Amino acid sequence: MSNSRNPHQPTDSPSQKRADKTLFGSKEGDIVIAVMGPPCSGKSTLIKNMLPEDADPKPKPNPRFAPSKPSIQEYSMKMPDINADGRIENRRLVLVDTPGFNNADVHDFDILQMMAGWLKSAYHKDFEISAIIYLFPLVAGVNPQKEERYLRVLRKVWGDDSTERVVLATTQWEIAGGDQDDREAELRGGFWKPMLELNASMTRLYNDRESAQGLLRNVLENVASQEFVGFVLALQHELEAKRIKLHKTDAGKELRKELKHGFSLREAIFNILKRFFPPPSSDTASR
């Protein structure tokens, strides 16, 4: 993946203009951290705990399993003091709350389109992502196999060349139950292993300001140590530099494959249920 940009800047499409509404003044030079993960993984809570206590606006975390309309939201703050060489001092920090796949009210491809629109707008406004934090809750109700499929899509969004900027954080330790250590070990040796081998980092995140602030410092120190403060995501490069339609990008093709797999599984379950619980005949229904 290249960081070079296409000098041709096309006219904004309607979808591009809709995406611009989510960009609250982000600009070139900002340090942008995108927070990703499944619904109810703690993305809004993390950003709330990273922001200053008097910040306004702040994200409003939803109660677990409460329905919410997915959107992309940005929250800005002054750069905190960190142990760095001055390359990112005096820059503005922008934390981005992104929607997760597997949302009960919105189709997964609409989620990908929302993310693509925001990334295209970022590309045109000449600001780049500096880091990605991916959250995964350890609670028993989250299906690791399903999230592994969605994570494959996200890996196509950011690209393997950017994986060293990714932090994989386990959340909801306070309510995870007694076997959370085993679940964490399964992630480390399972579907997170390829990313860890590409120099992604892994950490535990607790539901308090101290844990969130510590994660933020670690992420910013890593950003400051890189040759380039920001980077172009693989999906941005495909959409803008290569001019590939979303459904033909690596992320689009991966998501279509996963959606097809899910449809086939649902169809198989339906056929099994129909075999053992046939619908009533017309004679029976008329009685």
Protein backbone atom coordinates (compact mmCIF):
# COMPACT_ATOMS: atom_id res chain seq x y z
CA MET A 1 0.00 0.00 0.00
CA SER A 2 1.27 3.43 -0.90
CA ASN A 3 0.87 6.72 0.94
CA SER A 4 0.84 8.62 -2.36
CA ARG A 5 -2.33 10.48 -3.24
CA ASN A 6 -4.16 10.91 -6.52
CA PRO A 7 -3.72 14.53 -7.68
CA HIS A 8 -7.12 14.40 -9.35
CA GLN A 9 -9.74 15.59 -6.89
CA PRO A 10 -13.23 14.69 -8.16
CA THR A 11 -16.37 16.63 -7.33
CA ASP A 12 -17.98 15.45 -4.12
CA SER A 13 -20.80 12.97 -4.65
CA PRO A 14 -24.04 13.18 -2.59
CA SER A 15 -22.78 10.33 -0.38
CA GLN A 16 -19.52 12.24 0.09
CA LYS A 17 -21.43 15.36 1.16
CA ARG A 18 -23.50 13.34 3.63
CA ALA A 19 -20.30 11.94 5.10
CA ASP A 20 -18.87 15.46 5.44
CA LYS A 21 -21.57 16.19 8.00
CA THR A 22 -19.82 13.84 10.39
CA LEU A 23 -16.52 15.71 10.12
CA PHE A 24 -16.50 18.26 12.91
CA GLY A 25 -13.68 20.42 11.57
CA SER A 26 -10.96 17.76 11.34
CA LYS A 27 -8.07 19.07 9.31
CA GLU A 28 -4.56 18.34 8.15
CA GLY A 29 -2.16 18.05 11.06
CA ASP A 30 -4.68 16.55 13.50
CA ILE A 31 -3.76 13.36 15.31
CA VAL A 32 -6.74 11.10 14.57
CA ILE A 33 -7.42 7.90 16.52
CA ALA A 34 -10.25 5.69 15.25
CA VAL A 35 -12.00 3.48 17.81
CA MET A 36 -13.55 0.35 16.30
CA GLY A 37 -15.24 -2.81 17.53
CA PRO A 38 -18.59 -4.60 17.78
CA PRO A 39 -21.66 -2.91 19.24
CA CYS A 40 -21.66 -2.69 23.05
CA SER A 41 -17.88 -3.23 23.24
CA GLY A 42 -17.31 0.05 25.10
CA LYS A 43 -16.19 2.43 22.33
CA SER A 44 -18.17 5.43 23.59
CA THR A 45 -17.17 4.73 27.19
CA LEU A 46 -13.50 4.60 26.23
CA ILE A 47 -13.67 7.94 24.40
CA LYS A 48 -15.58 9.51 27.29
CA ASN A 49 -12.84 8.40 29.69
CA MET A 50 -10.09 9.66 27.37
CA LEU A 51 -11.58 13.14 27.05
CA PRO A 52 -11.05 15.79 29.74
CA GLU A 53 -13.70 15.62 32.44
CA ASP A 54 -15.03 19.06 31.41
CA ALA A 55 -15.14 18.21 27.69
CA ASP A 56 -18.27 19.17 25.78
CA PRO A 57 -19.64 17.39 23.85
CA LYS A 58 -18.98 13.90 25.17
CA PRO A 59 -20.27 10.58 23.88
CA LYS A 60 -23.23 9.14 25.73
CA PRO A 61 -22.72 5.40 26.16
CA ASN A 62 -25.87 3.35 25.62
CA PRO A 63 -26.98 0.75 28.14
CA ARG A 64 -25.98 -2.74 27.05
CA PHE A 65 -28.19 -4.08 24.23
CA ALA A 66 -30.11 -0.78 24.01
CA PRO A 67 -30.89 0.08 20.36
CA SER A 68 -29.09 3.07 18.90
CA LYS A 69 -28.73 4.61 15.47
CA PRO A 70 -25.18 3.95 14.22
CA SER A 71 -23.14 6.98 13.19
CA ILE A 72 -19.59 8.26 13.07
CA GLN A 73 -18.82 10.90 15.67
CA GLU A 74 -15.67 12.91 16.32
CA TYR A 75 -14.50 14.37 19.62
CA SER A 76 -11.53 16.73 19.80
CA MET A 77 -9.25 17.78 22.62
CA LYS A 78 -5.87 19.39 23.22
CA MET A 79 -2.89 17.08 22.99
CA PRO A 80 -2.08 15.72 26.47
CA ASP A 81 1.48 15.83 27.80
CA ILE A 82 3.35 12.67 26.82
CA ASN A 83 6.94 11.53 26.63
CA ALA A 84 7.61 12.39 22.97
CA ASP A 85 10.11 14.31 20.90
CA GLY A 86 7.82 17.23 20.17
CA ARG A 87 6.58 16.00 16.78
CA ILE A 88 2.96 15.87 17.91
CA GLU A 89 2.96 18.59 20.55
CA ASN A 90 0.57 21.48 19.95
CA ARG A 91 -1.50 19.38 17.58
CA ARG A 92 -5.16 18.71 18.11
CA LEU A 93 -6.23 15.19 19.06
CA VAL A 94 -9.39 13.79 17.45
CA LEU A 95 -11.05 10.61 18.76
CA VAL A 96 -13.45 8.95 16.33
CA ASP A 97 -16.33 6.75 17.48
CA THR A 98 -17.18 4.34 14.65
CA PRO A 99 -20.18 2.00 14.30
CA GLY A 100 -19.74 -1.75 14.60
CA PHE A 101 -20.96 -4.48 12.30
CA ASN A 102 -23.72 -6.91 13.31
CA ASN A 103 -26.06 -4.06 14.23
CA ALA A 104 -29.65 -5.21 14.68
CA ASP A 105 -31.12 -2.20 12.87
CA VAL A 106 -28.65 -1.48 10.05
CA HIS A 107 -27.33 -3.73 7.28
CA ASP A 108 -23.62 -4.52 7.50
CA PHE A 109 -22.91 -3.14 4.03
CA ASP A 110 -24.51 0.17 5.06
CA ILE A 111 -22.06 0.27 7.98
CA LEU A 112 -19.17 -0.27 5.55
CA GLN A 113 -20.54 2.45 3.26
CA MET A 114 -20.71 4.82 6.22
CA MET A 115 -17.08 4.12 7.11
CA ALA A 116 -16.03 4.44 3.46
CA GLY A 117 -17.75 7.81 3.13
CA TRP A 118 -15.98 9.12 6.22
CA LEU A 119 -12.58 7.82 5.01
CA LYS A 120 -13.09 9.40 1.58
CA SER A 121 -13.88 12.73 3.23
CA ALA A 122 -10.78 12.40 5.39
CA TYR A 123 -8.71 11.72 2.27
CA HIS A 124 -10.01 14.83 0.53
CA LYS A 125 -9.46 16.99 3.61
CA ASP A 126 -5.82 15.79 3.79
CA PHE A 127 -5.93 14.41 7.30
CA GLU A 128 -4.82 10.87 8.01
CA ILE A 129 -5.47 8.25 10.66
CA SER A 130 -2.69 8.00 13.23
CA ALA A 131 -3.84 4.90 15.15
CA ILE A 132 -6.69 2.40 15.47
CA ILE A 133 -8.01 0.94 18.71
CA TYR A 134 -10.10 -2.20 18.27
CA LEU A 135 -12.19 -3.22 21.28
CA PHE A 136 -13.48 -6.71 22.00
CA PRO A 137 -15.71 -7.50 25.00
CA LEU A 138 -14.93 -10.69 26.91
CA VAL A 139 -18.52 -11.27 28.00
CA ALA A 140 -19.96 -14.68 27.21
CA GLY A 141 -22.71 -13.35 24.93
CA VAL A 142 -20.27 -12.23 22.21
CA ASN A 143 -19.57 -14.87 19.57
CA PRO A 144 -15.81 -14.91 18.83
CA GLN A 145 -16.31 -16.81 15.55
CA LYS A 146 -18.72 -14.18 14.23
CA GLU A 147 -16.48 -11.32 15.32
CA GLU A 148 -13.53 -13.05 13.69
CA ARG A 149 -15.35 -12.81 10.37
CA TYR A 150 -16.06 -9.10 10.88
CA LEU A 151 -12.50 -8.47 11.99
CA ARG A 152 -11.32 -9.92 8.69
CA VAL A 153 -13.32 -7.15 7.00
CA LEU A 154 -11.75 -4.48 9.23
CA ARG A 155 -8.29 -5.83 8.46
CA LYS A 156 -9.09 -5.20 4.80
CA VAL A 157 -10.18 -1.67 5.73
CA TRP A 158 -6.90 -0.70 7.38
CA GLY A 159 -4.49 -3.08 5.56
CA ASP A 160 -1.70 -5.28 6.89
CA ASP A 161 0.90 -2.53 6.35
CA SER A 162 -0.89 -0.46 9.02
CA THR A 163 -1.29 -3.21 11.60
CA GLU A 164 1.58 -1.93 13.75
CA ARG A 165 -0.65 1.09 14.46
CA VAL A 166 -3.48 -1.13 15.75
CA VAL A 167 -4.14 -1.79 19.43
CA LEU A 168 -6.32 -4.81 20.24
CA ALA A 169 -7.99 -4.17 23.59
CA THR A 170 -10.14 -6.57 25.60
CA THR A 171 -12.96 -4.89 27.52
CA GLN A 172 -15.67 -5.51 30.12
CA TRP A 173 -13.37 -7.39 32.48
CA GLU A 174 -15.55 -6.25 35.36
CA ILE A 175 -18.53 -8.34 34.16
CA ALA A 176 -16.78 -11.02 32.08
CA GLY A 177 -17.04 -13.81 34.64
CA GLY A 178 -14.41 -16.19 35.97
CA ASP A 179 -13.00 -17.53 32.70
CA GLN A 180 -11.91 -14.23 31.14
CA ASP A 181 -8.23 -15.22 31.31
CA ASP A 182 -8.98 -18.27 29.19
CA ARG A 183 -10.90 -16.17 26.66
CA GLU A 184 -8.04 -13.68 26.48
CA ALA A 185 -5.59 -16.54 25.86
CA GLU A 186 -7.85 -17.88 23.09
CA LEU A 187 -7.77 -14.49 21.37
CA ARG A 188 -3.99 -14.21 21.70
CA GLY A 189 -3.38 -17.65 20.25
CA GLY A 190 -6.35 -17.64 17.88
CA PHE A 191 -7.72 -15.07 15.46
CA TRP A 192 -5.67 -12.19 16.91
CA LYS A 193 -2.42 -14.10 16.41
CA PRO A 194 -1.85 -13.03 12.74
CA MET A 195 -2.20 -9.36 13.72
CA LEU A 196 0.09 -9.71 16.71
CA GLU A 197 2.66 -11.27 14.39
CA LEU A 198 2.34 -8.11 12.27
CA ASN A 199 3.25 -6.02 15.36
CA ALA A 200 -0.20 -5.06 16.54
CA SER A 201 -0.27 -4.66 20.31
CA MET A 202 -2.68 -6.21 22.81
CA THR A 203 -3.85 -4.80 26.10
CA ARG A 204 -6.52 -5.02 28.77
CA LEU A 205 -8.91 -2.09 29.13
CA TYR A 206 -10.89 -1.50 32.30
CA ASN A 207 -13.93 0.70 32.67
CA ASP A 208 -12.26 3.68 34.35
CA ARG A 209 -10.40 6.86 33.45
CA GLU A 210 -7.04 5.60 34.66
CA SER A 211 -7.06 2.66 32.26
CA ALA A 212 -8.30 4.79 29.34
CA GLN A 213 -5.74 7.53 29.97
CA GLY A 214 -2.93 4.97 30.17
CA LEU A 215 -3.99 3.46 26.84
CA LEU A 216 -4.13 6.91 25.27
CA ARG A 217 -0.59 7.74 26.42
CA ASN A 218 0.75 4.46 25.05
CA VAL A 219 -0.94 4.99 21.70
CA LEU A 220 0.34 8.56 21.36
CA GLU A 221 3.88 7.60 22.31
CA ASN A 222 3.77 4.92 19.59
CA VAL A 223 2.47 7.47 17.07
CA ALA A 224 5.27 9.90 17.96
CA SER A 225 7.87 7.18 17.45
CA GLN A 226 6.77 6.38 13.89
CA GLU A 227 8.44 7.76 10.77
CA PHE A 228 5.07 9.11 9.60
CA VAL A 229 2.55 10.49 12.09
CA GLY A 230 -0.41 9.45 9.91
CA PHE A 231 -1.09 6.85 7.26
CA VAL A 232 -3.55 6.15 4.43
CA LEU A 233 -5.74 3.14 5.10
CA ALA A 234 -5.94 0.38 2.50
CA LEU A 235 -9.61 1.12 1.82
CA GLN A 236 -8.86 4.83 1.29
CA HIS A 237 -6.11 3.96 -1.18
CA GLU A 238 -8.39 1.62 -3.12
CA LEU A 239 -11.31 4.06 -3.23
CA GLU A 240 -9.36 7.22 -4.08
CA ALA A 241 -5.94 6.43 -5.54
CA LYS A 242 -7.12 3.37 -7.47
CA ARG A 243 -10.72 4.57 -8.02
CA ILE A 244 -12.20 1.15 -7.16
CA LYS A 245 -15.90 0.89 -6.35
CA LEU A 246 -16.62 -0.04 -2.73
CA HIS A 247 -18.14 -3.46 -3.46
CA LYS A 248 -15.02 -4.37 -5.47
CA THR A 249 -12.50 -3.33 -2.81
CA ASP A 250 -10.87 -5.99 -0.64
CA ALA A 251 -13.07 -4.95 2.31
CA GLY A 252 -16.22 -4.96 0.17
CA LYS A 253 -15.48 -8.40 -1.27
CA GLU A 254 -14.66 -9.80 2.17
CA LEU A 255 -17.91 -8.47 3.63
CA ARG A 256 -19.94 -9.84 0.72
CA LYS A 257 -18.35 -13.23 1.30
CA GLU A 258 -19.24 -13.12 5.00
CA LEU A 259 -22.79 -12.00 4.27
CA LYS A 260 -23.20 -14.84 1.78
CA HIS A 261 -21.89 -17.29 4.40
CA GLY A 262 -24.38 -15.96 6.93
CA PHE A 263 -27.26 -16.24 4.45
CA SER A 264 -26.32 -19.83 3.58
CA LEU A 265 -26.19 -20.72 7.27
CA ARG A 266 -29.61 -19.18 7.92
CA GLU A 267 -31.03 -20.99 4.89
CA ALA A 268 -29.64 -24.32 6.11
CA ILE A 269 -31.15 -23.80 9.57
CA PHE A 270 -34.49 -22.88 8.00
CA ASN A 271 -34.49 -26.05 5.87
CA ILE A 272 -33.74 -28.20 8.93
CA LEU A 273 -36.57 -26.57 10.88
CA LYS A 274 -38.94 -26.99 7.92
CA ARG A 275 -38.04 -30.70 7.75
CA PHE A 276 -38.80 -31.39 11.40
CA PHE A 277 -41.63 -28.84 11.79
CA PRO A 278 -43.48 -28.82 8.45
CA PRO A 279 -46.08 -26.11 7.94
CA PRO A 280 -49.68 -27.25 8.46
CA SER A 281 -51.51 -28.52 5.37
CA SER A 282 -54.37 -26.56 3.90
CA ASP A 283 -56.83 -29.16 5.24
CA THR A 284 -55.43 -28.82 8.74
CA ALA A 285 -55.36 -25.05 8.54
CA SER A 286 -59.04 -24.94 7.48
CA ARG A 287 -60.28 -26.93 10.46
